Amino acid sequence: MSSLCNLLKQVQKTSSVLKIPIRNLNLLEYQSKHLLRENGVAVQDFCMIDASGDKELEKFNVKEYVIKAQILAGGRGKGHFSNGYKGGVKITEKRDEIKGIVNNMLGHKLITKQTPKDGILVKKIMVAESVNIMRETYVCIVLDRSQNGPVIIASPAGGMDIEGVAEKTPHLIKNLPIDIFEGITDSMANDIATFLEFKGDTKPKAAHEIKKLWELFKKVDATQIEINPLVETDDGKVVSVDAKLNFDDNAKFRQKDIFAMDDESESDPREVEAAKYNLNYIGMGGNIGCLVNGAGLAMATMDIIKLYGGDPANFLDVGGSVKEDQVKKAFELLTKDKKVQSILVNVFGGIVNCATIANGIVSACKSMKLEIPLVVRLEGTNVDEAKRIIKESGLPILAAEHLDDAAQKAVKSVQ
């Protein structure tokens, strides 16, 4: 789903050479709809089908059905499956057609513009009630750093590329800051409903939905709730047809039920494994593994590897409170990538103790019997002790004095 609010909320995590993706909690469409529904937001009625069967479908009777493959990617309607079946979104009035459609989707990989080239395996299908849409609007509540708090973004031109609407017809975008203590008042909700061109009986319904979205935003520690589209139906209902929710990772301790819904099956298993040890791992595809402390240092390290003609294999940040066992786990993650031909450790000890890193490196190398070149550059807290530990280990570790030296040695080691 396109998102103007993503432009407002996103912190650009880039270096001059590389863009670093950060994995956050993502919910499938049916999970977002479930959260909306249980918190009083009007959504289409729906049921779920998976490998365990279609018992929910037996009790689900509506005039027209929308069958939607559930994966974490957009463009499903225009996608195609690995078995040749076209389209991850289907509409039918005939109940007896549903099972055939489901059989063509379930257990097959759906390929869209937003998936890997081989597609993503479909494990769940949502069957929802189709609604006759008269108008589509756009509503989003998002935390905006420039406003130091939440804002609500609204447009009567929903169901389309909202960034394009903002660029070509900016008068169709309303952006209002929300007082965190007052919230969305009745007056504000009515003004937004008017701007969205709801009239008559649908205007108070739209205002009610907007206030419900705000209550949900607060309750679940959301950083974004985007409804595109919020529709007016031919029978006078106001319904959230599609939704995207993002959450504050720092609130995981009090939103355990929501974070437990995280579907890790579509994620890189190395990222999932790293997260269990409080490590941040992102695979890149090169041949020089990078172990660093701090995202900024990681990006600088990868930039300078590229500068000297190398290709980083990953982004692996061990953080500032790393322990020896985490360093060992980091080495295991690096060496699981068969493309890695050399490892560069670049640590600037501030909070982290360089001696802790050194002990972790030595322990990992001895237990794993590391067979590829290892370049280590350490600086900062307790660095002399760290250098002594590495020197007396007797391991063939290439020591580097500074970052340029480290990058050049790492690149040379794979040439």
Protein backbone atom coordinates (compact mmCIF):
# COMPACT_ATOMS: atom_id res chain seq x y z
CA MET A 1 0.00 0.00 0.00
CA SER A 2 1.42 3.40 -0.94
CA SER A 3 1.83 5.75 1.97
CA LEU A 4 2.33 9.48 2.24
CA CYS A 5 2.69 9.04 5.97
CA ASN A 6 5.68 6.75 5.49
CA LEU A 7 7.49 9.77 4.09
CA LEU A 8 6.71 11.70 7.26
CA LYS A 9 7.61 8.99 9.76
CA GLN A 10 10.54 7.21 8.15
CA VAL A 11 14.02 7.89 9.42
CA GLN A 12 16.23 7.51 6.38
CA LYS A 13 18.76 4.82 7.23
CA THR A 14 21.23 5.26 4.38
CA SER A 15 24.91 5.73 3.74
CA SER A 16 26.47 7.23 0.65
CA VAL A 17 26.67 3.79 -0.94
CA LEU A 18 24.22 1.45 0.75
CA LYS A 19 20.61 1.51 1.93
CA ILE A 20 20.08 -0.46 5.13
CA PRO A 21 16.68 -2.10 5.54
CA ILE A 22 15.42 -2.44 9.10
CA ARG A 23 13.04 -5.22 10.02
CA ASN A 24 10.03 -4.18 12.09
CA LEU A 25 6.84 -5.91 13.16
CA ASN A 26 4.60 -6.52 10.15
CA LEU A 27 1.07 -7.86 10.33
CA LEU A 28 -0.80 -9.63 7.58
CA GLU A 29 -3.97 -7.96 6.34
CA TYR A 30 -6.31 -10.23 8.28
CA GLN A 31 -4.38 -9.58 11.50
CA SER A 32 -4.73 -5.82 11.07
CA LYS A 33 -8.44 -6.25 10.32
CA HIS A 34 -8.82 -8.36 13.45
CA LEU A 35 -7.28 -5.60 15.58
CA LEU A 36 -9.55 -3.01 13.99
CA ARG A 37 -12.65 -5.14 14.45
CA GLU A 38 -12.03 -6.04 18.08
CA ASN A 39 -11.53 -2.33 18.85
CA GLY A 40 -14.81 -1.22 17.35
CA VAL A 41 -13.62 -0.01 13.93
CA ALA A 42 -16.02 -0.95 11.12
CA VAL A 43 -14.45 -3.50 8.73
CA GLN A 44 -15.77 -6.08 6.30
CA ASP A 45 -16.80 -9.38 7.84
CA PHE A 46 -14.26 -12.10 7.02
CA CYS A 47 -13.09 -15.62 7.78
CA MET A 48 -9.80 -17.48 7.36
CA ILE A 49 -8.70 -20.61 5.49
CA ASP A 50 -5.35 -22.36 5.94
CA ALA A 51 -3.83 -25.83 5.68
CA SER A 52 -5.88 -26.97 8.68
CA GLY A 53 -9.11 -26.55 6.72
CA ASP A 54 -12.03 -24.24 5.97
CA LYS A 55 -14.36 -24.75 8.93
CA GLU A 56 -14.85 -20.99 9.32
CA LEU A 57 -16.07 -20.79 5.73
CA GLU A 58 -18.91 -23.23 6.43
CA LYS A 59 -20.62 -20.61 8.61
CA PHE A 60 -19.70 -17.62 6.44
CA ASN A 61 -22.51 -16.56 4.09
CA VAL A 62 -22.57 -13.24 2.22
CA LYS A 63 -23.83 -12.04 -1.16
CA GLU A 64 -20.40 -11.60 -2.72
CA TYR A 65 -16.99 -12.91 -1.63
CA VAL A 66 -13.50 -11.43 -1.90
CA ILE A 67 -10.75 -14.07 -1.72
CA LYS A 68 -7.33 -12.61 -0.85
CA ALA A 69 -3.97 -14.38 -0.50
CA GLN A 70 -2.23 -13.30 2.71
CA ILE A 71 1.43 -12.33 2.28
CA LEU A 72 3.48 -9.33 3.38
CA ALA A 73 3.60 -7.67 -0.02
CA GLY A 74 1.54 -5.30 -2.12
CA GLY A 75 0.31 -5.75 -5.67
CA ARG A 76 -1.34 -9.08 -4.90
CA GLY A 77 -4.25 -8.53 -7.27
CA LYS A 78 -1.90 -8.14 -10.24
CA GLY A 79 0.44 -10.93 -9.15
CA HIS A 80 0.69 -14.52 -10.37
CA PHE A 81 1.36 -17.85 -8.69
CA SER A 82 4.13 -20.39 -9.20
CA ASN A 83 1.53 -22.79 -10.63
CA GLY A 84 0.56 -20.26 -13.32
CA TYR A 85 -2.65 -19.06 -11.64
CA LYS A 86 -3.24 -15.33 -12.16
CA GLY A 87 -4.17 -12.89 -9.40
CA GLY A 88 -3.95 -13.07 -5.61
CA VAL A 89 -7.29 -11.30 -5.17
CA LYS A 90 -10.52 -12.73 -6.60
CA ILE A 91 -14.20 -11.77 -6.37
CA THR A 92 -17.10 -14.15 -6.83
CA GLU A 93 -20.80 -14.42 -5.99
CA LYS A 94 -20.74 -18.19 -6.35
CA ARG A 95 -19.92 -19.97 -3.12
CA ASP A 96 -19.03 -23.19 -4.90
CA GLU A 97 -16.18 -21.40 -6.72
CA ILE A 98 -14.34 -20.46 -3.52
CA LYS A 99 -12.66 -23.83 -2.90
CA GLY A 100 -11.28 -23.96 -6.43
CA ILE A 101 -9.83 -20.46 -6.09
CA VAL A 102 -8.37 -21.31 -2.68
CA ASN A 103 -6.76 -24.50 -4.02
CA ASN A 104 -4.99 -22.47 -6.70
CA MET A 105 -3.60 -20.07 -4.07
CA LEU A 106 -2.94 -22.04 -0.89
CA GLY A 107 0.44 -23.74 -0.78
CA HIS A 108 1.71 -21.94 -3.88
CA LYS A 109 4.10 -19.00 -4.17
CA LEU A 110 2.63 -15.63 -5.10
CA ILE A 111 4.87 -13.38 -7.17
CA THR A 112 4.29 -9.62 -7.27
CA LYS A 113 6.41 -6.52 -7.88
CA GLN A 114 7.13 -6.39 -4.15
CA THR A 115 8.13 -10.02 -3.55
CA PRO A 116 11.43 -11.81 -4.21
CA LYS A 117 11.60 -13.12 -7.77
CA ASP A 118 10.61 -16.61 -6.61
CA GLY A 119 7.60 -15.26 -4.75
CA ILE A 120 6.27 -15.89 -1.23
CA LEU A 121 4.49 -19.05 -0.14
CA VAL A 122 0.81 -18.47 0.64
CA LYS A 123 -0.16 -20.18 3.90
CA LYS A 124 -3.38 -18.33 4.67
CA ILE A 125 -6.35 -17.09 2.65
CA MET A 126 -8.81 -14.44 3.81
CA VAL A 127 -12.37 -14.67 2.52
CA ALA A 128 -14.14 -11.37 3.13
CA GLU A 129 -17.50 -9.84 2.42
CA SER A 130 -17.44 -7.72 -0.71
CA VAL A 131 -18.82 -4.20 -0.30
CA ASN A 132 -20.27 -1.98 -3.00
CA ILE A 133 -18.07 1.10 -2.83
CA MET A 134 -19.51 4.48 -3.71
CA ARG A 135 -16.47 6.57 -2.71
CA GLU A 136 -12.92 5.96 -1.48
CA THR A 137 -11.12 8.25 0.96
CA TYR A 138 -7.78 8.16 2.79
CA VAL A 139 -7.10 8.51 6.53
CA CYS A 140 -3.82 8.05 8.37
CA ILE A 141 -2.67 8.72 11.92
CA VAL A 142 1.10 8.75 12.22
CA LEU A 143 3.83 9.91 14.54
CA ASP A 144 5.56 12.84 12.83
CA ARG A 145 8.99 13.86 14.13
CA SER A 146 8.67 17.33 12.63
CA GLN A 147 5.55 17.87 14.76
CA ASN A 148 6.96 16.12 17.83
CA GLY A 149 3.85 14.00 18.01
CA PRO A 150 0.96 12.43 16.10
CA VAL A 151 -0.73 13.96 13.08
CA ILE A 152 -3.76 12.96 11.08
CA ILE A 153 -3.51 12.99 7.31
CA ALA A 154 -6.71 12.87 5.27
CA SER A 155 -7.70 13.02 1.62
CA PRO A 156 -10.98 12.58 -0.28
CA ALA A 157 -8.86 10.96 -3.04
CA GLY A 158 -8.37 7.53 -1.46
CA GLY A 159 -7.65 4.14 -2.97
CA MET A 160 -4.71 5.41 -5.00
CA ASP A 161 -1.07 6.55 -4.81
CA ILE A 162 -1.34 9.10 -2.02
CA GLU A 163 2.14 10.51 -2.71
CA GLY A 164 0.96 11.28 -6.24
CA VAL A 165 -2.13 13.00 -4.86
CA ALA A 166 0.05 15.15 -2.60
CA GLU A 167 2.33 16.10 -5.49
CA LYS A 168 -0.26 16.80 -8.17
CA THR A 169 -3.24 18.00 -6.10
CA PRO A 170 -1.93 19.18 -2.70
CA HIS A 171 -5.26 20.87 -1.94
CA LEU A 172 -6.71 17.36 -1.56
CA ILE A 173 -4.45 16.64 1.44
CA LYS A 174 -5.19 17.81 4.98
CA ASN A 175 -2.48 17.42 7.61
CA LEU A 176 -3.46 18.27 11.21
CA PRO A 177 -1.35 17.84 14.37
CA ILE A 178 -3.09 16.03 17.25
CA ASP A 179 -2.71 17.29 20.80
CA ILE A 180 -1.61 14.16 22.67
CA PHE A 181 -3.68 15.15 25.72
CA GLU A 182 -6.86 16.30 23.95
CA GLY A 183 -6.69 13.71 21.20
CA ILE A 184 -9.04 13.89 18.23
CA THR A 185 -11.95 15.98 19.48
CA ASP A 186 -15.52 15.83 18.17
CA SER A 187 -14.93 19.11 16.37
CA MET A 188 -11.74 17.86 14.70
CA ALA A 189 -13.35 14.57 13.69
CA ASN A 190 -16.31 16.41 12.15
CA ASP A 191 -14.01 18.79 10.27
CA ILE A 192 -12.06 15.87 8.84
CA ALA A 193 -15.26 14.04 7.86
CA THR A 194 -16.42 17.21 6.06
CA PHE A 195 -13.07 17.50 4.25
CA LEU A 196 -13.43 13.86 3.20
CA GLU A 197 -16.80 14.86 1.65
CA PHE A 198 -18.99 12.67 3.81
CA LYS A 199 -22.48 14.13 3.94
CA GLY A 200 -25.83 13.46 5.57
CA ASP A 201 -26.00 10.31 7.69
CA THR A 202 -22.49 9.19 6.69
CA LYS A 203 -20.79 12.28 8.13
CA PRO A 204 -21.27 11.38 11.82
CA LYS A 205 -20.40 7.75 10.98
CA ALA A 206 -17.11 8.87 9.43
CA ALA A 207 -16.34 11.10 12.41
CA HIS A 208 -17.04 8.15 14.73
CA GLU A 209 -14.66 5.91 12.77
CA ILE A 210 -11.92 8.55 12.89
CA LYS A 211 -12.22 8.79 16.67
CA LYS A 212 -12.16 4.99 16.97
CA LEU A 213 -8.94 4.90 14.97
CA TRP A 214 -7.39 7.40 17.39
CA GLU A 215 -8.40 5.30 20.39
CA LEU A 216 -6.83 2.24 18.75
CA PHE A 217 -3.69 4.21 17.90
CA LYS A 218 -3.17 5.01 21.59
CA LYS A 219 -4.19 1.60 22.92
CA VAL A 220 -1.76 -0.46 20.82
CA ASP A 221 1.21 1.96 20.87
CA ALA A 222 0.97 2.43 17.11
CA THR A 223 3.33 4.62 15.15
CA GLN A 224 1.03 4.47 12.13
CA ILE A 225 -2.52 3.47 11.31
CA GLU A 226 -3.21 3.96 7.61
CA ILE A 227 -6.64 3.29 6.12
CA ASN A 228 -6.62 3.29 2.35
CA PRO A 229 -9.40 3.26 1.47
CA LEU A 230 -11.94 4.35 4.07
CA VAL A 231 -15.07 3.90 1.96
CA GLU A 232 -18.68 4.94 1.74
CA THR A 233 -20.84 2.04 0.60
CA ASP A 234 -24.03 2.11 -1.42
CA ASP A 235 -26.06 1.30 1.72
CA GLY A 236 -24.64 4.23 3.69
CA LYS A 237 -21.93 2.48 5.72
CA VAL A 238 -18.42 3.80 6.40
CA VAL A 239 -15.92 0.92 6.32
CA SER A 240 -12.14 0.51 6.59
CA VAL A 241 -11.49 -1.75 3.61
CA ASP A 242 -7.70 -1.96 3.79
CA ALA A 243 -5.32 -1.09 6.62
CA LYS A 244 -1.65 -0.91 7.44
CA LEU A 245 -0.51 -0.75 11.07
CA ASN A 246 2.97 -0.11 12.43
CA PHE A 247 3.95 -0.32 16.08
CA ASP A 248 6.49 1.13 18.48
CA ASP A 249 9.10 -1.59 19.02
CA ASN A 250 9.90 -0.07 22.41
CA ALA A 251 6.38 -0.95 23.57
CA LYS A 252 6.85 -4.67 22.94
CA PHE A 253 6.91 -5.36 26.68
CA ARG A 254 3.30 -4.15 27.06
CA GLN A 255 1.97 -5.23 23.65
CA LYS A 256 2.99 -8.87 23.92
CA ASP A 257 -0.18 -10.21 22.28
CA ILE A 258 0.34 -8.03 19.22
CA PHE A 259 4.03 -8.80 18.83
CA ALA A 260 3.25 -12.49 19.25
CA MET A 261 1.36 -12.26 15.94
CA ASP A 262 4.58 -11.45 14.07
CA ASP A 263 4.90 -13.83 11.13
CA GLU A 264 8.60 -14.68 10.91
CA SER A 265 8.18 -17.19 8.08
CA GLU A 266 8.73 -14.52 5.42
CA SER A 267 11.85 -13.11 7.13
CA ASP A 268 15.48 -14.04 6.61
CA PRO A 269 16.03 -16.80 9.22
CA ARG A 270 19.40 -15.23 10.07
CA GLU A 271 17.66 -12.00 11.04
CA VAL A 272 15.22 -13.91 13.22
CA GLU A 273 18.05 -15.86 14.88
CA ALA A 274 20.08 -12.70 15.44
CA ALA A 275 17.16 -10.95 17.10
CA LYS A 276 16.99 -13.74 19.72
CA TYR A 277 20.48 -12.68 20.85
CA ASN A 278 19.80 -8.92 20.62
CA LEU A 279 21.89 -8.66 17.47
CA ASN A 280 20.87 -6.71 14.38
CA TYR A 281 21.64 -8.67 11.20
CA ILE A 282 20.80 -7.75 7.61
CA GLY A 283 22.07 -9.87 4.71
CA MET A 284 23.58 -7.96 1.77
CA GLY A 285 24.89 -10.51 -0.70
CA GLY A 286 28.63 -9.68 -0.86
CA ASN A 287 31.61 -11.71 0.35
CA ILE A 288 33.06 -9.69 3.28
CA GLY A 289 31.27 -10.27 6.57
CA CYS A 290 31.08 -7.21 8.85
CA LEU A 291 30.86 -7.25 12.64
CA VAL A 292 30.59 -3.80 14.20
CA ASN A 293 29.04 -1.97 17.14
CA GLY A 294 26.63 0.77 16.17
CA ALA A 295 24.60 1.40 13.01
CA GLY A 296 26.62 4.48 12.04
CA LEU A 297 29.90 2.59 12.27
CA ALA A 298 28.35 -0.27 10.30
CA MET A 299 27.41 2.03 7.43
CA ALA A 300 30.83 3.71 7.46
CA THR A 301 32.49 0.28 7.42
CA MET A 302 30.44 -0.90 4.46
CA ASP A 303 31.04 2.36 2.61
CA ILE A 304 34.80 2.09 2.94
CA ILE A 305 34.76 -1.57 1.89
CA LYS A 306 32.96 -0.48 -1.28
CA LEU A 307 35.42 2.39 -1.70
CA TYR A 308 38.32 -0.05 -1.86
CA GLY A 309 36.56 -2.35 -4.33
CA GLY A 310 35.04 -4.86 -1.93
CA ASP A 311 31.46 -6.02 -1.40
CA PRO A 312 29.90 -6.26 2.08
CA ALA A 313 28.06 -9.49 2.86
CA ASN A 314 25.98 -8.13 5.70
CA PHE A 315 25.17 -5.53 8.29
CA LEU A 316 25.75 -7.04 11.76
CA ASP A 317 25.55 -4.66 14.72
CA VAL A 318 26.35 -6.21 18.11
CA GLY A 319 25.33 -3.05 20.01
CA GLY A 320 26.89 -1.40 23.04
CA SER A 321 26.15 -3.95 25.75
CA VAL A 322 27.47 -7.01 23.94
CA LYS A 323 28.67 -10.08 25.85
CA GLU A 324 31.16 -12.75 24.80
CA ASP A 325 28.45 -15.29 23.95
CA GLN A 326 26.84 -12.76 21.63
CA VAL A 327 30.12 -12.26 19.79
CA LYS A 328 30.36 -16.01 19.31
CA LYS A 329 26.79 -16.12 17.98
CA ALA A 330 27.61 -13.25 15.64
CA PHE A 331 30.48 -15.26 14.15
CA GLU A 332 28.18 -18.25 13.70
CA LEU A 333 25.72 -16.08 11.78
CA LEU A 334 28.47 -14.66 9.58
CA THR A 335 29.92 -18.04 8.68
CA LYS A 336 26.50 -19.55 7.88
CA ASP A 337 26.59 -17.41 4.74
CA LYS A 338 28.60 -19.56 2.31
CA LYS A 339 29.41 -16.49 0.21
CA VAL A 340 31.45 -14.96 3.06
CA GLN A 341 35.16 -15.33 2.24
CA SER A 342 36.54 -12.93 4.85
CA ILE A 343 35.38 -11.27 8.08
CA LEU A 344 36.09 -7.70 9.16
CA VAL A 345 35.57 -6.77 12.82
CA ASN A 346 35.46 -3.01 13.37
CA VAL A 347 34.69 -1.99 16.94
CA PHE A 348 35.01 1.40 18.57
CA GLY A 349 34.82 0.80 22.30
CA GLY A 350 32.79 3.38 24.17
CA ILE A 351 30.17 1.63 26.23
CA VAL A 352 31.43 -1.70 24.94
CA ASN A 353 34.69 -3.06 26.34
CA CYS A 354 37.16 -3.99 23.61
CA ALA A 355 38.51 -6.81 25.81
CA THR A 356 35.03 -8.37 25.82
CA ILE A 357 35.02 -8.32 22.02
CA ALA A 358 38.54 -9.75 21.90
CA ASN A 359 37.67 -12.63 24.24
CA GLY A 360 34.56 -13.35 22.21
CA ILE A 361 36.55 -13.38 18.96
CA VAL A 362 39.18 -15.73 20.36
CA SER A 363 36.57 -18.07 21.83
CA ALA A 364 34.58 -18.14 18.59
CA CYS A 365 37.61 -18.78 16.40
CA LYS A 366 38.85 -21.65 18.56
CA SER A 367 35.48 -23.37 18.91
CA MET A 368 34.52 -22.92 15.26
CA LYS A 369 37.97 -23.50 13.80
CA LEU A 370 37.55 -20.46 11.56
CA GLU A 371 39.13 -21.14 8.16
CA ILE A 372 38.62 -17.80 6.41
CA PRO A 373 40.67 -14.59 6.86
CA LEU A 374 39.78 -12.43 9.86
CA VAL A 375 40.68 -8.74 10.05
CA VAL A 376 40.21 -6.99 13.39
CA ARG A 377 40.33 -3.28 14.13
CA LEU A 378 39.66 -2.31 17.75
CA GLU A 379 39.80 1.15 19.30
CA GLY A 380 38.58 2.72 22.52
CA THR A 381 37.86 1.32 25.98
CA ASN A 382 40.47 -1.21 27.16
CA VAL A 383 41.94 -1.54 23.67
CA ASP A 384 45.47 -2.39 24.89
CA GLU A 385 44.16 -5.35 26.86
CA ALA A 386 42.12 -6.41 23.81
CA LYS A 387 45.19 -6.31 21.56
CA ARG A 388 47.14 -8.36 24.09
CA ILE A 389 44.39 -11.02 24.19
CA ILE A 390 44.38 -11.33 20.41
CA LYS A 391 48.17 -11.37 20.12
CA GLU A 392 48.63 -14.04 22.77
CA SER A 393 45.86 -16.22 21.30
CA GLY A 394 48.23 -17.46 18.62
CA LEU A 395 45.43 -17.22 16.05
CA PRO A 396 46.17 -15.97 12.51
CA ILE A 397 44.21 -12.75 13.01
CA LEU A 398 45.11 -9.76 10.84
CA ALA A 399 45.30 -6.71 13.12
CA ALA A 400 44.50 -3.28 11.65
CA GLU A 401 45.45 0.11 13.07
CA HIS A 402 42.64 2.17 11.57
CA LEU A 403 39.54 1.82 9.40
CA ASP A 404 41.27 2.39 6.06
CA ASP A 405 43.88 -0.20 6.94
CA ALA A 406 41.19 -2.67 8.02
CA ALA A 407 39.12 -2.23 4.85
CA GLN A 408 42.13 -2.58 2.57
CA LYS A 409 43.27 -5.76 4.32
CA ALA A 410 39.76 -7.25 4.18
CA VAL A 411 39.37 -6.50 0.48
CA LYS A 412 42.86 -7.82 -0.29
CA SER A 413 42.15 -11.04 1.61
CA VAL A 414 39.39 -12.01 -0.84
CA GLN A 415 41.14 -10.98 -4.05
